[in-house]
N, C-alpha and C. Protein backbone atom coordinates (compact mmCIF):
# COMPACT_ATOMS: atom_id res chain seq x y z
N MET A 1 113.74 128.48 118.89
CA MET A 1 113.75 127.18 119.55
C MET A 1 114.10 126.10 118.54
N HIS A 2 114.94 125.17 118.98
CA HIS A 2 115.38 124.09 118.10
C HIS A 2 114.29 123.03 118.03
N GLN A 3 113.85 122.73 116.81
CA GLN A 3 112.75 121.79 116.64
C GLN A 3 113.14 120.72 115.64
N TRP A 4 112.50 119.54 115.78
CA TRP A 4 112.72 118.44 114.85
C TRP A 4 111.45 118.22 114.07
N THR A 5 111.45 118.60 112.78
CA THR A 5 110.22 118.54 112.00
C THR A 5 110.28 117.75 110.70
N PRO A 6 111.46 117.38 110.14
CA PRO A 6 111.46 116.78 108.80
C PRO A 6 110.74 115.45 108.72
N LEU A 7 110.59 114.75 109.85
CA LEU A 7 109.99 113.42 109.82
C LEU A 7 108.56 113.47 109.31
N THR A 8 107.83 114.53 109.63
CA THR A 8 106.43 114.60 109.19
C THR A 8 106.33 114.70 107.68
N THR A 9 107.28 115.40 107.09
CA THR A 9 107.27 115.48 105.63
C THR A 9 107.55 114.14 105.01
N ARG A 10 108.46 113.38 105.57
CA ARG A 10 108.81 112.08 105.02
C ARG A 10 107.68 111.08 105.17
N GLN A 11 106.83 111.26 106.19
CA GLN A 11 105.71 110.35 106.38
C GLN A 11 104.72 110.43 105.23
N GLN A 12 104.68 111.56 104.53
CA GLN A 12 103.78 111.71 103.39
C GLN A 12 104.17 110.76 102.26
N PHE A 13 105.44 110.37 102.21
CA PHE A 13 105.91 109.50 101.15
C PHE A 13 105.91 108.03 101.57
N ALA A 14 105.81 107.75 102.86
CA ALA A 14 105.83 106.36 103.31
C ALA A 14 104.57 105.62 102.86
N GLY A 15 103.43 106.30 102.85
CA GLY A 15 102.18 105.68 102.41
C GLY A 15 102.22 105.26 100.95
N PRO A 16 102.61 106.17 100.02
CA PRO A 16 102.72 105.75 98.62
C PRO A 16 103.73 104.64 98.38
N ALA A 17 104.73 104.52 99.26
CA ALA A 17 105.73 103.47 99.09
C ALA A 17 105.24 102.12 99.60
N LEU A 18 104.57 102.10 100.74
CA LEU A 18 104.15 100.85 101.36
C LEU A 18 102.76 100.41 100.90
N GLY A 19 101.91 101.37 100.47
CA GLY A 19 100.56 101.02 100.04
C GLY A 19 100.51 100.01 98.92
N PRO A 20 101.26 100.21 97.83
CA PRO A 20 101.22 99.22 96.75
C PRO A 20 101.73 97.84 97.16
N VAL A 21 102.66 97.80 98.11
CA VAL A 21 103.17 96.50 98.56
C VAL A 21 102.08 95.73 99.29
N ILE A 22 101.44 96.40 100.25
CA ILE A 22 100.37 95.75 101.02
C ILE A 22 99.18 95.44 100.12
N GLY A 23 98.80 96.43 99.29
CA GLY A 23 97.67 96.23 98.39
C GLY A 23 97.93 95.17 97.35
N GLY A 24 99.17 95.05 96.90
CA GLY A 24 99.50 94.04 95.90
C GLY A 24 99.29 92.63 96.41
N PHE A 25 99.78 92.35 97.62
CA PHE A 25 99.59 91.03 98.20
C PHE A 25 98.12 90.78 98.51
N SER A 26 97.43 91.79 99.01
CA SER A 26 96.01 91.63 99.36
C SER A 26 95.18 91.33 98.13
N ALA A 27 95.39 92.10 97.06
CA ALA A 27 94.60 91.89 95.84
C ALA A 27 94.93 90.57 95.17
N GLN A 28 96.18 90.15 95.25
CA GLN A 28 96.60 88.92 94.58
C GLN A 28 96.03 87.67 95.25
N TYR A 29 96.03 87.66 96.58
CA TYR A 29 95.67 86.44 97.30
C TYR A 29 94.32 86.49 98.00
N LYS A 30 93.79 87.68 98.24
CA LYS A 30 92.52 87.79 98.97
C LYS A 30 91.43 88.50 98.17
N GLY A 31 91.75 89.11 97.06
CA GLY A 31 90.75 89.85 96.28
C GLY A 31 90.80 91.33 96.58
N TRP A 32 90.15 92.11 95.70
CA TRP A 32 90.23 93.56 95.81
C TRP A 32 89.59 94.10 97.08
N ARG A 33 88.62 93.37 97.64
CA ARG A 33 87.95 93.86 98.85
C ARG A 33 88.93 93.99 100.01
N TRP A 34 89.94 93.15 100.04
CA TRP A 34 90.88 93.19 101.15
C TRP A 34 91.80 94.40 101.08
N THR A 35 91.89 95.04 99.92
CA THR A 35 92.64 96.30 99.89
C THR A 35 91.93 97.35 100.74
N GLN A 36 90.59 97.28 100.75
CA GLN A 36 89.81 98.22 101.58
C GLN A 36 89.89 97.84 103.06
N TRP A 37 89.85 96.53 103.35
CA TRP A 37 89.98 96.09 104.73
C TRP A 37 91.33 96.50 105.32
N CYS A 38 92.39 96.36 104.53
CA CYS A 38 93.72 96.76 105.01
C CYS A 38 93.77 98.24 105.33
N THR A 39 93.10 99.03 104.49
CA THR A 39 93.05 100.47 104.76
C THR A 39 92.34 100.76 106.07
N ILE A 40 91.24 100.05 106.33
CA ILE A 40 90.50 100.24 107.58
C ILE A 40 91.35 99.82 108.77
N PHE A 41 92.01 98.67 108.68
CA PHE A 41 92.82 98.19 109.80
C PHE A 41 93.96 99.16 110.12
N ILE A 42 94.64 99.63 109.09
CA ILE A 42 95.75 100.56 109.31
C ILE A 42 95.26 101.89 109.86
N SER A 43 94.11 102.34 109.38
CA SER A 43 93.54 103.60 109.88
C SER A 43 93.20 103.49 111.35
N LEU A 44 92.60 102.36 111.76
CA LEU A 44 92.29 102.16 113.17
C LEU A 44 93.55 102.08 114.01
N ALA A 45 94.57 101.41 113.50
CA ALA A 45 95.81 101.28 114.25
C ALA A 45 96.48 102.63 114.46
N THR A 46 96.32 103.55 113.53
CA THR A 46 96.90 104.89 113.70
C THR A 46 95.98 105.82 114.47
N LEU A 47 94.67 105.55 114.45
CA LEU A 47 93.72 106.42 115.14
C LEU A 47 93.77 106.21 116.65
N LEU A 48 93.87 104.97 117.08
CA LEU A 48 93.82 104.66 118.51
C LEU A 48 94.90 105.39 119.32
N PRO A 49 96.16 105.41 118.88
CA PRO A 49 97.15 106.18 119.66
C PRO A 49 96.85 107.68 119.68
N VAL A 50 96.25 108.20 118.60
CA VAL A 50 95.94 109.63 118.55
C VAL A 50 94.93 110.01 119.63
N LEU A 51 94.01 109.10 119.92
CA LEU A 51 92.99 109.39 120.93
C LEU A 51 93.60 109.57 122.31
N CYS A 52 94.78 109.02 122.53
CA CYS A 52 95.44 109.12 123.85
C CYS A 52 96.38 110.31 123.94
N MET A 53 96.56 111.05 122.87
CA MET A 53 97.49 112.17 122.88
C MET A 53 96.88 113.37 123.58
N SER A 54 97.74 114.19 124.13
CA SER A 54 97.28 115.40 124.82
C SER A 54 97.07 116.53 123.81
N GLU A 55 96.27 117.51 124.20
CA GLU A 55 95.97 118.65 123.34
C GLU A 55 97.20 119.53 123.15
N THR A 56 97.40 120.04 121.95
CA THR A 56 98.54 120.92 121.67
C THR A 56 98.12 122.28 121.10
N TYR A 57 96.82 122.46 120.83
CA TYR A 57 96.35 123.74 120.27
C TYR A 57 96.33 124.79 121.37
N LYS A 58 97.06 125.88 121.15
CA LYS A 58 97.27 126.88 122.19
C LYS A 58 95.96 127.45 122.73
N LYS A 59 95.03 127.75 121.83
CA LYS A 59 93.77 128.36 122.26
C LYS A 59 92.98 127.43 123.18
N ILE A 60 92.95 126.15 122.83
CA ILE A 60 92.23 125.18 123.66
C ILE A 60 92.93 125.00 125.01
N ILE A 61 94.25 124.95 125.00
CA ILE A 61 95.00 124.78 126.25
C ILE A 61 94.74 125.94 127.20
N LEU A 62 94.78 127.18 126.68
CA LEU A 62 94.55 128.35 127.53
C LEU A 62 93.12 128.37 128.06
N THR A 63 92.16 127.97 127.22
CA THR A 63 90.76 127.93 127.67
C THR A 63 90.58 126.91 128.78
N ARG A 64 91.16 125.73 128.64
CA ARG A 64 91.05 124.70 129.67
C ARG A 64 91.76 125.13 130.95
N ARG A 65 92.91 125.80 130.80
CA ARG A 65 93.65 126.25 131.98
C ARG A 65 92.85 127.30 132.74
N ALA A 66 92.21 128.22 132.00
CA ALA A 66 91.40 129.24 132.65
C ALA A 66 90.21 128.62 133.37
N LYS A 67 89.61 127.61 132.77
CA LYS A 67 88.48 126.94 133.40
C LYS A 67 88.91 126.22 134.66
N ARG A 68 90.11 125.60 134.63
CA ARG A 68 90.61 124.88 135.80
C ARG A 68 90.94 125.84 136.94
N LEU A 69 91.43 127.05 136.59
CA LEU A 69 91.77 128.04 137.61
C LEU A 69 90.59 128.92 137.98
N ASN A 70 89.43 128.66 137.34
CA ASN A 70 88.22 129.42 137.61
C ASN A 70 88.39 130.91 137.33
N ILE A 71 89.00 131.21 136.18
CA ILE A 71 89.16 132.60 135.75
C ILE A 71 88.60 132.72 134.34
N ASP A 72 88.45 133.95 133.89
CA ASP A 72 87.92 134.18 132.55
C ASP A 72 88.94 133.75 131.50
N PRO A 73 88.49 133.07 130.47
CA PRO A 73 89.42 132.66 129.40
C PRO A 73 89.90 133.87 128.62
N PRO A 74 91.02 133.73 127.91
CA PRO A 74 91.53 134.86 127.11
C PRO A 74 90.49 135.32 126.09
N ALA A 75 90.41 136.61 125.90
CA ALA A 75 89.45 137.16 124.95
C ALA A 75 89.83 136.76 123.53
N GLN A 76 88.88 136.27 122.81
CA GLN A 76 89.10 135.84 121.43
C GLN A 76 88.26 136.72 120.51
N ALA A 77 88.93 137.24 119.49
CA ALA A 77 88.22 138.06 118.52
C ALA A 77 87.38 137.15 117.62
N LYS A 78 86.09 137.32 117.69
CA LYS A 78 85.19 136.50 116.88
C LYS A 78 84.66 137.30 115.71
N LEU A 79 84.96 136.81 114.52
CA LEU A 79 84.49 137.47 113.31
C LEU A 79 83.20 136.83 112.84
N THR A 80 82.29 137.63 112.41
CA THR A 80 81.00 137.12 111.94
C THR A 80 80.63 137.82 110.64
N GLY A 81 79.76 137.18 109.92
CA GLY A 81 79.21 137.80 108.71
C GLY A 81 80.26 138.07 107.65
N LEU A 82 80.21 139.26 107.08
CA LEU A 82 81.09 139.63 105.97
C LEU A 82 82.55 139.65 106.39
N ALA A 83 82.83 140.06 107.63
CA ALA A 83 84.22 140.12 108.10
C ALA A 83 84.84 138.72 108.12
N PHE A 84 84.07 137.74 108.52
CA PHE A 84 84.58 136.36 108.56
C PHE A 84 84.93 135.86 107.16
N TRP A 85 84.01 136.09 106.20
CA TRP A 85 84.27 135.62 104.84
C TRP A 85 85.42 136.37 104.19
N LYS A 86 85.55 137.65 104.51
CA LYS A 86 86.67 138.43 103.99
C LYS A 86 88.00 137.88 104.51
N MET A 87 88.05 137.58 105.81
CA MET A 87 89.25 137.02 106.39
C MET A 87 89.56 135.66 105.80
N LEU A 88 88.51 134.84 105.60
CA LEU A 88 88.69 133.49 105.08
C LEU A 88 89.27 133.53 103.66
N VAL A 89 88.69 134.36 102.81
CA VAL A 89 89.16 134.46 101.43
C VAL A 89 90.57 135.04 101.39
N THR A 90 90.84 136.03 102.24
CA THR A 90 92.16 136.67 102.24
C THR A 90 93.24 135.70 102.68
N VAL A 91 93.00 135.01 103.79
CA VAL A 91 94.03 134.15 104.37
C VAL A 91 94.23 132.87 103.57
N THR A 92 93.14 132.26 103.13
CA THR A 92 93.25 130.94 102.49
C THR A 92 93.43 130.99 100.98
N LEU A 93 93.12 132.12 100.34
CA LEU A 93 93.18 132.16 98.88
C LEU A 93 94.09 133.28 98.38
N LEU A 94 93.78 134.51 98.73
CA LEU A 94 94.51 135.64 98.16
C LEU A 94 95.94 135.73 98.68
N ARG A 95 96.14 135.53 99.97
CA ARG A 95 97.49 135.66 100.51
C ARG A 95 98.45 134.61 99.94
N PRO A 96 98.05 133.31 99.87
CA PRO A 96 98.96 132.34 99.25
C PRO A 96 99.26 132.67 97.78
N LEU A 97 98.26 133.12 97.03
CA LEU A 97 98.49 133.48 95.64
C LEU A 97 99.42 134.69 95.53
N HIS A 98 99.26 135.63 96.45
CA HIS A 98 100.13 136.81 96.45
C HIS A 98 101.57 136.40 96.74
N MET A 99 101.76 135.52 97.71
CA MET A 99 103.12 135.06 98.04
C MET A 99 103.70 134.25 96.89
N LEU A 100 102.87 133.46 96.23
CA LEU A 100 103.35 132.63 95.13
C LEU A 100 103.84 133.46 93.95
N THR A 101 103.18 134.59 93.71
CA THR A 101 103.51 135.41 92.54
C THR A 101 104.52 136.51 92.85
N THR A 102 104.74 136.82 94.10
CA THR A 102 105.65 137.93 94.43
C THR A 102 106.91 137.49 95.17
N GLU A 103 106.91 136.29 95.73
CA GLU A 103 108.07 135.81 96.48
C GLU A 103 108.79 134.74 95.67
N PRO A 104 109.98 135.02 95.14
CA PRO A 104 110.70 134.01 94.35
C PRO A 104 110.98 132.72 95.11
N THR A 105 111.28 132.82 96.40
CA THR A 105 111.57 131.62 97.18
C THR A 105 110.35 130.72 97.28
N VAL A 106 109.19 131.33 97.55
CA VAL A 106 107.96 130.55 97.64
C VAL A 106 107.63 129.91 96.31
N PHE A 107 107.80 130.66 95.22
CA PHE A 107 107.51 130.13 93.89
C PHE A 107 108.43 128.96 93.55
N LEU A 108 109.72 129.10 93.80
CA LEU A 108 110.67 128.05 93.45
C LEU A 108 110.47 126.80 94.32
N PHE A 109 110.21 126.99 95.60
CA PHE A 109 109.94 125.85 96.46
C PHE A 109 108.66 125.13 96.03
N SER A 110 107.63 125.89 95.68
CA SER A 110 106.38 125.29 95.23
C SER A 110 106.59 124.52 93.93
N LEU A 111 107.38 125.08 93.04
CA LEU A 111 107.67 124.41 91.77
C LEU A 111 108.44 123.12 91.99
N TYR A 112 109.42 123.17 92.87
CA TYR A 112 110.23 121.99 93.18
C TYR A 112 109.38 120.90 93.83
N THR A 113 108.53 121.30 94.78
CA THR A 113 107.67 120.33 95.46
C THR A 113 106.66 119.73 94.49
N ALA A 114 106.08 120.57 93.61
CA ALA A 114 105.13 120.06 92.62
C ALA A 114 105.80 119.05 91.69
N PHE A 115 107.03 119.32 91.31
CA PHE A 115 107.74 118.39 90.43
C PHE A 115 108.00 117.05 91.11
N THR A 116 108.49 117.09 92.35
CA THR A 116 108.79 115.83 93.04
C THR A 116 107.53 115.02 93.30
N PHE A 117 106.43 115.68 93.66
CA PHE A 117 105.18 114.95 93.89
C PHE A 117 104.63 114.40 92.58
N SER A 118 104.77 115.15 91.49
CA SER A 118 104.26 114.66 90.21
C SER A 118 105.05 113.45 89.75
N VAL A 119 106.35 113.45 89.97
CA VAL A 119 107.17 112.29 89.63
C VAL A 119 106.76 111.09 90.47
N LEU A 120 106.57 111.32 91.77
CA LEU A 120 106.20 110.23 92.66
C LEU A 120 104.88 109.58 92.23
N PHE A 121 103.86 110.39 92.00
CA PHE A 121 102.55 109.83 91.71
C PHE A 121 102.43 109.37 90.26
N ALA A 122 103.35 109.81 89.40
CA ALA A 122 103.39 109.24 88.06
C ALA A 122 103.82 107.78 88.10
N PHE A 123 104.57 107.41 89.14
CA PHE A 123 104.99 106.02 89.29
C PHE A 123 103.80 105.08 89.42
N PHE A 124 102.69 105.56 89.97
CA PHE A 124 101.52 104.69 90.17
C PHE A 124 100.94 104.23 88.84
N ALA A 125 101.12 105.02 87.80
CA ALA A 125 100.67 104.61 86.47
C ALA A 125 101.79 103.93 85.70
N ALA A 126 103.02 104.39 85.90
CA ALA A 126 104.14 103.86 85.12
C ALA A 126 104.59 102.49 85.60
N TYR A 127 104.61 102.26 86.90
CA TYR A 127 105.10 100.98 87.42
C TYR A 127 104.25 99.81 86.96
N PRO A 128 102.91 99.85 87.15
CA PRO A 128 102.12 98.70 86.69
C PRO A 128 102.27 98.43 85.20
N TYR A 129 102.24 99.49 84.40
CA TYR A 129 102.35 99.30 82.95
C TYR A 129 103.71 98.70 82.59
N THR A 130 104.77 99.28 83.15
CA THR A 130 106.11 98.84 82.79
C THR A 130 106.39 97.42 83.26
N PHE A 131 106.14 97.16 84.52
CA PHE A 131 106.55 95.87 85.08
C PHE A 131 105.58 94.74 84.74
N GLN A 132 104.32 95.07 84.44
CA GLN A 132 103.39 94.01 84.05
C GLN A 132 103.44 93.73 82.55
N SER A 133 103.40 94.78 81.74
CA SER A 133 103.34 94.55 80.29
C SER A 133 104.71 94.23 79.69
N VAL A 134 105.77 94.79 80.24
CA VAL A 134 107.11 94.58 79.67
C VAL A 134 107.81 93.41 80.33
N TYR A 135 107.75 93.35 81.68
CA TYR A 135 108.51 92.33 82.40
C TYR A 135 107.66 91.17 82.89
N GLY A 136 106.34 91.25 82.74
CA GLY A 136 105.48 90.14 83.10
C GLY A 136 105.29 89.94 84.59
N PHE A 137 105.44 90.99 85.40
CA PHE A 137 105.21 90.87 86.84
C PHE A 137 103.73 90.71 87.11
N ASN A 138 103.39 89.96 88.18
CA ASN A 138 102.00 89.92 88.62
C ASN A 138 101.76 91.05 89.63
N THR A 139 100.57 91.04 90.28
CA THR A 139 100.19 92.18 91.12
C THR A 139 101.13 92.39 92.29
N TRP A 140 101.42 91.33 93.04
CA TRP A 140 102.26 91.52 94.22
C TRP A 140 103.72 91.75 93.86
N GLN A 141 104.14 91.26 92.71
CA GLN A 141 105.53 91.45 92.32
C GLN A 141 105.81 92.90 91.94
N TYR A 142 104.91 93.52 91.17
CA TYR A 142 105.17 94.93 90.85
C TYR A 142 104.92 95.82 92.06
N GLY A 143 104.08 95.33 93.01
CA GLY A 143 103.92 96.08 94.25
C GLY A 143 105.22 96.19 95.02
N LEU A 144 106.04 95.13 94.95
CA LEU A 144 107.32 95.15 95.65
C LEU A 144 108.28 96.18 95.06
N THR A 145 108.09 96.54 93.79
CA THR A 145 109.00 97.52 93.19
C THR A 145 108.91 98.88 93.87
N PHE A 146 107.79 99.15 94.56
CA PHE A 146 107.66 100.43 95.26
C PHE A 146 108.51 100.49 96.52
N LEU A 147 109.10 99.36 96.92
CA LEU A 147 109.99 99.39 98.09
C LEU A 147 111.20 100.27 97.84
N GLY A 148 111.54 100.48 96.56
CA GLY A 148 112.63 101.41 96.27
C GLY A 148 112.31 102.81 96.75
N ILE A 149 111.05 103.21 96.60
CA ILE A 149 110.64 104.52 97.11
C ILE A 149 110.71 104.53 98.64
N GLY A 150 110.30 103.41 99.26
CA GLY A 150 110.39 103.31 100.71
C GLY A 150 111.82 103.44 101.19
N LEU A 151 112.76 102.83 100.46
CA LEU A 151 114.17 102.95 100.83
C LEU A 151 114.63 104.40 100.72
N GLY A 152 114.18 105.07 99.67
CA GLY A 152 114.52 106.49 99.53
C GLY A 152 113.96 107.33 100.67
N VAL A 153 112.74 107.01 101.12
CA VAL A 153 112.15 107.71 102.26
C VAL A 153 113.00 107.51 103.51
N LEU A 154 113.41 106.26 103.74
CA LEU A 154 114.24 105.95 104.91
C LEU A 154 115.56 106.70 104.86
N LEU A 155 116.19 106.71 103.69
CA LEU A 155 117.45 107.44 103.55
C LEU A 155 117.24 108.94 103.77
N GLY A 156 116.08 109.45 103.31
CA GLY A 156 115.78 110.86 103.52
C GLY A 156 115.62 111.19 104.99
N VAL A 157 114.95 110.31 105.74
CA VAL A 157 114.78 110.54 107.18
C VAL A 157 116.13 110.54 107.88
N LEU A 158 116.97 109.56 107.55
CA LEU A 158 118.29 109.48 108.17
C LEU A 158 119.14 110.70 107.81
N THR A 159 119.04 111.14 106.56
CA THR A 159 119.79 112.33 106.14
C THR A 159 119.33 113.55 106.92
N ASN A 160 118.01 113.71 107.04
CA ASN A 160 117.48 114.84 107.83
C ASN A 160 117.95 114.78 109.27
N PHE A 161 117.97 113.59 109.83
CA PHE A 161 118.37 113.43 111.23
C PHE A 161 119.82 113.86 111.43
N PHE A 162 120.71 113.35 110.59
CA PHE A 162 122.12 113.67 110.77
C PHE A 162 122.42 115.13 110.47
N VAL A 163 121.77 115.69 109.45
CA VAL A 163 121.97 117.11 109.15
C VAL A 163 121.46 117.96 110.31
N ASP A 164 120.32 117.59 110.88
CA ASP A 164 119.74 118.34 111.99
C ASP A 164 120.65 118.29 113.22
N ARG A 165 121.16 117.10 113.51
CA ARG A 165 121.95 116.92 114.73
C ARG A 165 123.36 117.46 114.61
N PHE A 166 123.98 117.30 113.46
CA PHE A 166 125.41 117.60 113.34
C PHE A 166 125.72 118.86 112.54
N TYR A 167 124.72 119.43 111.90
CA TYR A 167 124.94 120.67 111.14
C TYR A 167 124.12 121.81 111.71
N TYR A 168 122.80 121.65 111.71
CA TYR A 168 121.94 122.74 112.18
C TYR A 168 122.13 122.99 113.68
N ALA A 169 122.19 121.91 114.46
CA ALA A 169 122.32 122.07 115.92
C ALA A 169 123.62 122.78 116.28
N LYS A 170 124.69 122.51 115.53
CA LYS A 170 125.97 123.17 115.80
C LYS A 170 125.86 124.67 115.59
N HIS A 171 125.23 125.08 114.50
CA HIS A 171 125.05 126.51 114.24
C HIS A 171 124.06 127.13 115.23
N HIS A 172 123.09 126.35 115.65
CA HIS A 172 122.13 126.86 116.64
C HIS A 172 122.83 127.13 117.97
N GLN A 173 123.65 126.22 118.42
CA GLN A 173 124.38 126.42 119.67
C GLN A 173 125.35 127.60 119.56
N ARG A 174 125.97 127.75 118.41
CA ARG A 174 126.89 128.88 118.22
C ARG A 174 126.12 130.19 118.29
N ALA A 175 124.91 130.22 117.72
CA ALA A 175 124.10 131.43 117.77
C ALA A 175 123.72 131.78 119.20
N LEU A 176 123.38 130.76 120.01
CA LEU A 176 123.04 131.03 121.41
C LEU A 176 124.22 131.59 122.18
N LYS A 177 125.42 131.09 121.90
CA LYS A 177 126.61 131.60 122.59
C LYS A 177 126.90 133.03 122.21
N GLU A 178 126.53 133.41 120.99
CA GLU A 178 126.74 134.78 120.53
C GLU A 178 125.61 135.71 120.94
N GLY A 179 124.62 135.20 121.67
CA GLY A 179 123.54 136.03 122.16
C GLY A 179 122.34 136.13 121.24
N ARG A 180 122.35 135.38 120.15
CA ARG A 180 121.20 135.37 119.24
C ARG A 180 120.22 134.27 119.66
N THR A 181 118.95 134.46 119.34
CA THR A 181 117.93 133.48 119.73
C THR A 181 117.70 132.42 118.67
N SER A 182 118.14 132.67 117.44
CA SER A 182 117.93 131.71 116.37
C SER A 182 118.99 131.91 115.29
N VAL A 183 119.01 130.99 114.35
CA VAL A 183 119.93 131.09 113.22
C VAL A 183 119.11 131.38 111.97
N PRO A 184 119.72 131.91 110.93
CA PRO A 184 118.96 132.17 109.69
C PRO A 184 118.33 130.89 109.16
N PRO A 185 117.13 130.98 108.61
CA PRO A 185 116.44 129.77 108.13
C PRO A 185 117.16 129.09 106.97
N GLU A 186 118.11 129.79 106.34
CA GLU A 186 118.84 129.17 105.24
C GLU A 186 119.63 127.94 105.67
N TYR A 187 119.94 127.84 106.97
CA TYR A 187 120.66 126.67 107.45
C TYR A 187 119.80 125.40 107.38
N ARG A 188 118.51 125.58 107.21
CA ARG A 188 117.62 124.42 107.04
C ARG A 188 117.66 123.87 105.61
N LEU A 189 118.31 124.59 104.72
CA LEU A 189 118.28 124.20 103.31
C LEU A 189 119.32 123.15 102.94
N MET A 190 120.15 122.74 103.89
CA MET A 190 121.19 121.77 103.57
C MET A 190 120.59 120.47 103.03
N CYS A 191 119.50 120.00 103.64
CA CYS A 191 118.86 118.75 103.17
C CYS A 191 118.32 118.91 101.75
N ALA A 192 117.76 120.07 101.46
CA ALA A 192 117.25 120.31 100.11
C ALA A 192 118.39 120.37 99.10
N GLN A 193 119.53 120.94 99.50
CA GLN A 193 120.68 121.00 98.61
C GLN A 193 121.21 119.60 98.32
N MET A 194 121.21 118.75 99.32
CA MET A 194 121.63 117.37 99.11
C MET A 194 120.59 116.60 98.30
N GLY A 195 119.32 116.89 98.56
CA GLY A 195 118.26 116.19 97.85
C GLY A 195 118.16 116.53 96.38
N CYS A 196 118.65 117.72 96.00
CA CYS A 196 118.57 118.10 94.59
C CYS A 196 119.42 117.17 93.73
N PHE A 197 120.41 116.51 94.31
CA PHE A 197 121.16 115.49 93.58
C PHE A 197 120.49 114.14 93.67
N GLY A 198 119.80 113.88 94.79
CA GLY A 198 119.17 112.58 94.98
C GLY A 198 117.98 112.34 94.08
N VAL A 199 117.22 113.41 93.77
CA VAL A 199 116.01 113.25 92.95
C VAL A 199 116.36 112.77 91.53
N PRO A 200 117.26 113.43 90.80
CA PRO A 200 117.57 112.91 89.47
C PRO A 200 118.26 111.55 89.49
N ILE A 201 119.08 111.28 90.51
CA ILE A 201 119.71 109.96 90.60
C ILE A 201 118.65 108.89 90.81
N GLY A 202 117.67 109.17 91.72
CA GLY A 202 116.59 108.22 91.95
C GLY A 202 115.75 107.99 90.72
């Protein structure tokens, strides 16, 4: 099934880009307490729409549907005691470590993601030092420098959109005409291939 998912990944970077801008103005003109108030206001603004969203978890949907139709809900395997802890440790700890050490693709993607995130969050220490001590920026002025990251996020979203619509969708439709249900996941790598040039340029 054709899905649109890159936007959620880009949202992880929108906060680090816009947070220093909002916090910079708040701290400069209202004091440090207003940085906390802004966080509360934004959290409430994002929480309220979530409360109106419909359920998407398959297990909950099936249980509610069975209750509405007055039939028995689907049988769920319930693990207890040692079996539960064994499953928890295996799924959440051992399996990811096994994939990380035995799958080259998982290892390389994890390494690439760790590098990009480390560069991003290093900016939080480098920007204030550089722009305040070297260039004499005040709090809100160096906060504005993070808008460059926001611009990069926007360009990334647009790039994902166009690649999804005009590259991946074309191959997906071709696969359906040939009787296949999906295309190889490597077709999703076009954005990463383009981004590998964008990261060092940025």
